Amino acid sequence: MSFWEAVSRFGVPSLVFVGAAVAASVAFFGSPADFSRPHGWQWAWVGLWLMMSAEAAFGTERSWFERAWKGATALLVAVACAVAAWRHYRWRRLERTRLTPGSAG
């Protein structure tokens, strides 16, 4: 196995998986205020999730390792998006009640 083949077979999947893990940790521990306004690039997460999950589920010509890392990455991206959306929703609701005149808070 050549160096570039090893990099493409193991290095790139590791880099993508670590990137998805970082995104999940930012979603869990980052400030919900960071998601306070819409950005166009956030839809890229949905595209990444769809691409990875489809290739993991329907990539019959792919090796088991490739399907496994794409499935794990899709799971991490889905968890990161769900947690970020849930935390943002709770943060927005809290901000609305805090800014409402006459509220008890």
Protein backbone atom coordinates (compact mmCIF):
# COMPACT_ATOMS: atom_id res chain seq x y z
CA MET A 1 0.00 0.00 0.00
CA SER A 2 1.43 3.33 -1.03
CA PHE A 3 1.57 6.37 1.20
CA TRP A 4 -1.21 8.22 -0.66
CA GLU A 5 -3.43 5.17 -0.66
CA ALA A 6 -3.00 4.85 3.10
CA VAL A 7 -3.76 8.55 3.55
CA SER A 8 -6.91 8.34 1.45
CA ARG A 9 -8.04 5.11 3.09
CA PHE A 10 -7.36 5.99 6.75
CA GLY A 11 -6.30 9.64 7.04
CA VAL A 12 -9.25 11.30 5.35
CA PRO A 13 -11.87 9.24 7.22
CA SER A 14 -10.13 9.99 10.50
CA LEU A 15 -10.06 13.70 9.71
CA VAL A 16 -13.75 13.76 8.75
CA PHE A 17 -14.75 11.79 11.86
CA VAL A 18 -12.74 14.05 14.16
CA GLY A 19 -14.33 17.09 12.49
CA ALA A 20 -17.80 15.68 13.13
CA ALA A 21 -16.84 14.93 16.74
CA VAL A 22 -15.67 18.53 17.17
CA ALA A 23 -18.95 19.77 15.70
CA ALA A 24 -20.88 17.60 18.15
CA SER A 25 -18.84 18.87 21.10
CA VAL A 26 -19.40 22.49 20.02
CA ALA A 27 -23.12 21.77 19.77
CA PHE A 28 -23.13 20.35 23.30
CA PHE A 29 -20.84 22.84 25.01
CA GLY A 30 -20.88 25.97 22.83
CA SER A 31 -23.02 29.00 23.47
CA PRO A 32 -26.55 28.79 22.02
CA ALA A 33 -26.18 32.46 21.13
CA ASP A 34 -23.82 31.40 18.34
CA PHE A 35 -26.84 29.98 16.51
CA SER A 36 -28.98 33.07 17.05
CA ARG A 37 -29.32 34.16 13.45
CA PRO A 38 -29.68 32.20 10.24
CA HIS A 39 -26.60 31.58 8.16
CA GLY A 40 -26.57 30.02 4.71
CA TRP A 41 -23.71 27.64 5.51
CA GLN A 42 -25.74 25.79 8.15
CA TRP A 43 -27.62 23.93 5.41
CA ALA A 44 -24.31 22.32 4.47
CA TRP A 45 -24.65 20.14 7.60
CA VAL A 46 -27.89 18.70 6.20
CA GLY A 47 -26.19 17.97 2.90
CA LEU A 48 -23.26 16.31 4.64
CA TRP A 49 -25.62 14.21 6.75
CA LEU A 50 -27.67 13.12 3.74
CA MET A 51 -24.60 12.24 1.70
CA MET A 52 -22.89 10.29 4.48
CA SER A 53 -25.99 8.41 5.60
CA ALA A 54 -26.97 7.49 2.04
CA GLU A 55 -23.50 6.19 1.23
CA ALA A 56 -23.39 4.24 4.49
CA ALA A 57 -26.82 2.71 3.92
CA PHE A 58 -26.79 2.11 0.16
CA GLY A 59 -23.09 1.94 -0.76
CA THR A 60 -23.04 -1.74 -1.63
CA GLU A 61 -19.84 -1.42 -3.66
CA ARG A 62 -17.99 0.14 -0.73
CA SER A 63 -15.87 -1.66 1.86
CA TRP A 64 -17.23 -2.29 5.35
CA PHE A 65 -14.73 0.18 6.79
CA GLU A 66 -15.88 2.99 4.50
CA ARG A 67 -19.53 2.30 5.24
CA ALA A 68 -18.81 2.18 8.97
CA TRP A 69 -16.97 5.50 9.17
CA LYS A 70 -19.53 7.23 6.99
CA GLY A 71 -22.33 5.89 9.17
CA ALA A 72 -20.57 7.00 12.36
CA THR A 73 -19.94 10.43 10.87
CA ALA A 74 -23.58 10.73 9.79
CA LEU A 75 -24.68 9.83 13.30
CA LEU A 76 -22.39 12.44 14.87
CA VAL A 77 -23.59 15.13 12.45
CA ALA A 78 -27.24 14.26 13.13
CA VAL A 79 -26.69 14.40 16.90
CA ALA A 80 -24.81 17.69 16.61
CA CYS A 81 -27.58 19.27 14.52
CA ALA A 82 -30.35 18.01 16.79
CA VAL A 83 -28.62 19.19 19.97
CA ALA A 84 -27.75 22.58 18.47
CA ALA A 85 -31.33 23.11 17.26
CA TRP A 86 -32.79 22.05 20.63
CA ARG A 87 -30.42 24.29 22.61
CA HIS A 88 -31.10 27.20 20.23
CA TYR A 89 -34.85 26.74 20.59
CA ARG A 90 -34.61 26.72 24.38
CA TRP A 91 -32.30 29.76 24.33
CA ARG A 92 -34.66 31.73 22.06
CA ARG A 93 -37.63 30.87 24.25
CA LEU A 94 -35.73 32.02 27.34
CA GLU A 95 -34.69 35.25 25.61
CA ARG A 96 -38.29 35.97 24.57
CA THR A 97 -39.59 35.52 28.11
CA ARG A 98 -36.76 37.65 29.47
CA LEU A 99 -37.49 40.49 27.04
CA THR A 100 -41.29 40.39 27.37
CA PRO A 101 -42.54 43.42 29.35
CA GLY A 102 -44.46 42.50 32.45
CA SER A 103 -42.91 39.06 32.77
CA ALA A 104 -42.04 37.79 36.19
CA GLY A 105 -38.38 37.21 35.31
